[in-house]
Amino acid sequence: MVRVRKVQPLEGFKVSLEFTDGTVKTVDLEPYLRGPIFEPIRQDQSRFRSVRVDEELGTIIWEGGADIDPDVLRWDRVPVQPEGASH
């Protein structure tokens, strides 16, 4: 399984990700930041920029429990929208 090794926040809601297979890519996370758990991250750039890698999960996380599936990030999968999430 390919997992996230490194993350670096860029401008806006973009991040540079390095994966365990050596792939490096820039991902715009804006479409993934939907639902109540992501609302504080969308509203505060400093909170967004606090993103880090959870080595156990192999993906990116934020304080408060928000994370994004590493397969979604690596393979450009469509994020699952939480029930009741607005676009």
C-alpha atoms as a PDB file:
ATOM      1  CA  MET A   1       0.000   0.000   0.000  1.00  0.00           C
ATOM      2  CA  VAL A   2       1.220   3.445  -0.902  1.00  0.00           C
ATOM      3  CA  ARG A   3       1.112   5.929   1.953  1.00  0.00           C
ATOM      4  CA  VAL A   4       2.088   9.566   2.531  1.00  0.00           C
ATOM      5  CA  ARG A   5       5.665  10.092   3.719  1.00  0.00           C
ATOM      6  CA  LYS A   6       5.911  13.913   3.710  1.00  0.00           C
ATOM      7  CA  VAL A   7       3.597  16.896   3.393  1.00  0.00           C
ATOM      8  CA  GLN A   8       4.371  20.557   2.801  1.00  0.00           C
ATOM      9  CA  PRO A   9       1.610  23.189   2.686  1.00  0.00           C
ATOM     10  CA  LEU A  10       1.728  25.515  -0.319  1.00  0.00           C
ATOM     11  CA  GLU A  11      -0.475  28.470  -1.317  1.00  0.00           C
ATOM     12  CA  GLY A  12      -4.235  28.322  -0.864  1.00  0.00           C
ATOM     13  CA  PHE A  13      -5.340  24.793  -0.048  1.00  0.00           C
ATOM     14  CA  LYS A  14      -2.555  23.096  -1.996  1.00  0.00           C
ATOM     15  CA  VAL A  15       0.026  20.735  -0.528  1.00  0.00           C
ATOM     16  CA  SER A  16       3.076  18.967  -1.855  1.00  0.00           C
ATOM     17  CA  LEU A  17       2.962  15.273  -0.981  1.00  0.00           C
ATOM     18  CA  GLU A  18       5.687  12.652  -1.100  1.00  0.00           C
ATOM     19  CA  PHE A  19       4.488   9.053  -1.115  1.00  0.00           C
ATOM     20  CA  THR A  20       6.228   5.871  -0.020  1.00  0.00           C
ATOM     21  CA  ASP A  21       6.558   4.797  -3.679  1.00  0.00           C
ATOM     22  CA  GLY A  22       8.705   7.896  -4.341  1.00  0.00           C
ATOM     23  CA  THR A  23       5.987   9.855  -6.156  1.00  0.00           C
ATOM     24  CA  VAL A  24       5.851  13.582  -5.390  1.00  0.00           C
ATOM     25  CA  LYS A  25       2.779  15.535  -6.409  1.00  0.00           C
ATOM     26  CA  THR A  26       0.925  18.734  -5.689  1.00  0.00           C
ATOM     27  CA  VAL A  27      -2.689  18.266  -4.627  1.00  0.00           C
ATOM     28  CA  ASP A  28      -5.338  20.952  -4.237  1.00  0.00           C
ATOM     29  CA  LEU A  29      -7.201  19.812  -1.117  1.00  0.00           C
ATOM     30  CA  GLU A  30     -10.046  22.338  -1.444  1.00  0.00           C
ATOM     31  CA  PRO A  31     -12.513  19.768  -2.886  1.00  0.00           C
ATOM     32  CA  TYR A  32     -11.750  17.388  -0.009  1.00  0.00           C
ATOM     33  CA  LEU A  33     -12.320  19.878   2.797  1.00  0.00           C
ATOM     34  CA  ARG A  34     -16.066  19.347   3.143  1.00  0.00           C
ATOM     35  CA  GLY A  35     -18.161  18.649   6.199  1.00  0.00           C
ATOM     36  CA  PRO A  36     -18.124  19.859   9.792  1.00  0.00           C
ATOM     37  CA  ILE A  37     -14.744  18.340  10.727  1.00  0.00           C
ATOM     38  CA  PHE A  38     -13.038  20.318   7.932  1.00  0.00           C
ATOM     39  CA  GLU A  39     -14.872  23.630   8.445  1.00  0.00           C
ATOM     40  CA  PRO A  40     -12.318  25.033  10.970  1.00  0.00           C
ATOM     41  CA  ILE A  41      -9.521  24.113   8.522  1.00  0.00           C
ATOM     42  CA  ARG A  42     -11.269  25.900   5.630  1.00  0.00           C
ATOM     43  CA  GLN A  43     -11.815  29.008   7.760  1.00  0.00           C
ATOM     44  CA  ASP A  44      -8.267  29.368   9.128  1.00  0.00           C
ATOM     45  CA  GLN A  45      -5.162  29.197   6.929  1.00  0.00           C
ATOM     46  CA  SER A  46      -2.903  28.748   9.952  1.00  0.00           C
ATOM     47  CA  ARG A  47      -4.923  25.691  10.937  1.00  0.00           C
ATOM     48  CA  PHE A  48      -4.740  24.379   7.360  1.00  0.00           C
ATOM     49  CA  ARG A  49      -0.976  24.903   7.363  1.00  0.00           C
ATOM     50  CA  SER A  50      -0.653  22.817  10.551  1.00  0.00           C
ATOM     51  CA  VAL A  51      -1.190  19.680   8.436  1.00  0.00           C
ATOM     52  CA  ARG A  52       1.186  16.835   9.254  1.00  0.00           C
ATOM     53  CA  VAL A  53       1.762  13.169   8.448  1.00  0.00           C
ATOM     54  CA  ASP A  54       0.439  10.531  10.822  1.00  0.00           C
ATOM     55  CA  GLU A  55       3.054   7.801  10.400  1.00  0.00           C
ATOM     56  CA  GLU A  56       0.765   5.114  11.792  1.00  0.00           C
ATOM     57  CA  LEU A  57      -2.060   5.939   9.369  1.00  0.00           C
ATOM     58  CA  GLY A  58       0.259   6.923   6.521  1.00  0.00           C
ATOM     59  CA  THR A  59      -1.778   9.960   5.629  1.00  0.00           C
ATOM     60  CA  ILE A  60      -2.200  13.651   6.371  1.00  0.00           C
ATOM     61  CA  ILE A  61      -4.008  14.804   9.493  1.00  0.00           C
ATOM     62  CA  TRP A  62      -4.960  17.915  11.393  1.00  0.00           C
ATOM     63  CA  GLU A  63      -5.615  18.500  15.061  1.00  0.00           C
ATOM     64  CA  GLY A  64      -9.213  17.634  15.866  1.00  0.00           C
ATOM     65  CA  GLY A  65      -9.265  14.328  14.008  1.00  0.00           C
ATOM     66  CA  ALA A  66      -9.538  15.439  10.381  1.00  0.00           C
ATOM     67  CA  ASP A  67      -7.706  13.277   7.856  1.00  0.00           C
ATOM     68  CA  ILE A  68      -7.899  12.323   4.186  1.00  0.00           C
ATOM     69  CA  ASP A  69      -7.554   8.758   2.924  1.00  0.00           C
ATOM     70  CA  PRO A  70      -4.074   8.282   1.392  1.00  0.00           C
ATOM     71  CA  ASP A  71      -5.529   6.345  -1.567  1.00  0.00           C
ATOM     72  CA  VAL A  72      -7.738   9.338  -2.388  1.00  0.00           C
ATOM     73  CA  LEU A  73      -4.653  11.566  -2.365  1.00  0.00           C
ATOM     74  CA  ARG A  74      -2.369   9.254  -4.337  1.00  0.00           C
ATOM     75  CA  TRP A  75      -4.787   8.036  -6.984  1.00  0.00           C
ATOM     76  CA  ASP A  76      -6.898  11.224  -7.407  1.00  0.00           C
ATOM     77  CA  ARG A  77     -10.037   9.468  -6.254  1.00  0.00           C
ATOM     78  CA  VAL A  78     -13.253  11.387  -5.762  1.00  0.00           C
ATOM     79  CA  PRO A  79     -13.729  12.181  -2.086  1.00  0.00           C
ATOM     80  CA  VAL A  80     -16.761  10.781  -0.337  1.00  0.00           C
ATOM     81  CA  GLN A  81     -18.971  13.653   0.748  1.00  0.00           C
ATOM     82  CA  PRO A  82     -20.144  13.383   4.335  1.00  0.00           C
ATOM     83  CA  GLU A  83     -23.919  13.227   4.713  1.00  0.00           C
ATOM     84  CA  GLY A  84     -25.309  16.728   4.885  1.00  0.00           C
ATOM     85  CA  ALA A  85     -22.111  18.332   3.543  1.00  0.00           C
ATOM     86  CA  SER A  86     -22.588  21.338   1.323  1.00  0.00           C
ATOM     87  CA  HIS A  87     -20.530  22.008  -1.798  1.00  0.00           C
END
